[in-house]
Amino acid sequence: MKAYTDEQTEKLKEIAEGTEGLYSPYACRNAQAMRRYRSSRYDGEVLRSQFSVDADKIIHSPFFNRGSDKTQVFSFFKNDDITRRAAHVQLVSRIARTIGRALRLNLDLIEAIAIGHDIGHTPFGHKGEHFLNELYHAGTGRFFNHNVHSVRVLQILSGCNLTMQTADGILCHCGEKVNERYEPNCALKTYQDFNDVFEKCYTDQSVIGGLHPSTMEGCVVRISDMIAYLGKDRQDAARLGIEAEFGDSVIGKSNSEIIFNAIADVVANSMDKPYLSVSGDVFEALKECQRENNLKIYQIERVTAQYDAVVKPMMEKMYNKFLEDVKRRNTSSLIFKGHIFHKIYGSAYRERERDKNAEVDLFDLSKYNLEAPDDIAVDFIASMTDDYFLEAFRYLFPEDGLNDKWKYTDYFE
């Protein structure tokens, strides 16, 4: 079906060219988009940019909705007003788009990176990530990191065929460390370059610590990830009755103050430059903000009490059971019947170079680009929401005493 007349097509192209004509010389252009494999479906796209296509692919992934019940910081609290992953990625997108607009960067690329950056996150936040990494590393010698897994989820499990720029921004998004300067890494020239870095992240932890986005847009998302959670975590803590006194600083104490002042400083110090930077006093204030949050929120017993006592042993038991079930081809297991194996591994999805008419052997793991049964266990557990995780454990181990050890703080407590 031909959607537009030739005249309309030319008009849409003019609109797109006019938008790019306003970009900074340091922005990523649509013509620079590089996909894992070429898709003729998008070559003639005139309504959406290549990066807008990425954003649509991500938001329609079956994994995206799961962010609505994945812990950001506060697990085991029944409260509709505290942040979950789904809300966090939207907050990051808004902050990043505000900075990107002021710096005349590619907002479509910013949005795609932002909404996809945590899609591979585990249930129970960074503690869940840490526990899953311990199990995966013990069995394979490889490392699990949520940013790396986000790329795996989108490129391999969902088959999104994202552009390298979007996948790279997601891989390099982690905002746990504050920097005075965020300078794009221009070393990536081909998709193979990106794949090499991606694979090294599984085998060399030092590579994770040295990741830098290849675009200015990726740098914007990286700093926006930090800006989005610093004040919001304080706001969520207050809503849960966690009393904490925070020191005065140039960026303020509250969520709105931190967001406004941090954005303003980034923009003021980055205009017309090929990198992002913050002023020295804001750099120190952001570091102090992180330190205070760690001490007064993230590490307090009310937040952490059930992680080691409940989540860790539950995850270990489920991981080992799934691993054994896959090895034994126990097709009655939850992992074979569950949403991941049934809908993703057992689907008709194939890489473009594979024969789409070939019969699907559900139990021939070599057909699914999976390195080992450990990867299937990791994919399944990482995809779980907090509630699904707890219910899955009860389903698998109904008599286990751990089912009686976890407790949600009720709405009215």
Foldseek 3Di string as FASTA:
>chain_A
DDDDDPVVLVVLQVVLVVLLVQAFPQADDLVPWAWPDDDPVCPSDRNDGLLLLLQVLQCPFPLLVLQCQADAFFPQAPDPPADTRQVLLVQLLVLLLVLCVLQRYDSSLLNSLSSQQQSLFFHPHVLLQVLLQVVLCVVPVWGGDRLLRSLCCRCAQRVSRHTLLSNLLSNLQAQLDFDQKAAADQPDDHVVVVVVLSVVVTNDVVSSVVRGRNGQSSSSSNNSSLLSCLQSLVVNCVVVVQDDDDDQAPQGRHSVSVSVVQSVQQNVQPHSHNITGGDPRVSVVSVSSSVRCVVRPNPDCNRCVCSVVFVSVLLVVQLVVQQVCLVVVVCVDCLNVDPRLVVGVQHLDDDPVDDSPDDGDSNPCVRRPDDGSSRSSSSVRSSHRPVRSLVSSCVVCVPDPSNVVRHRDDPVD
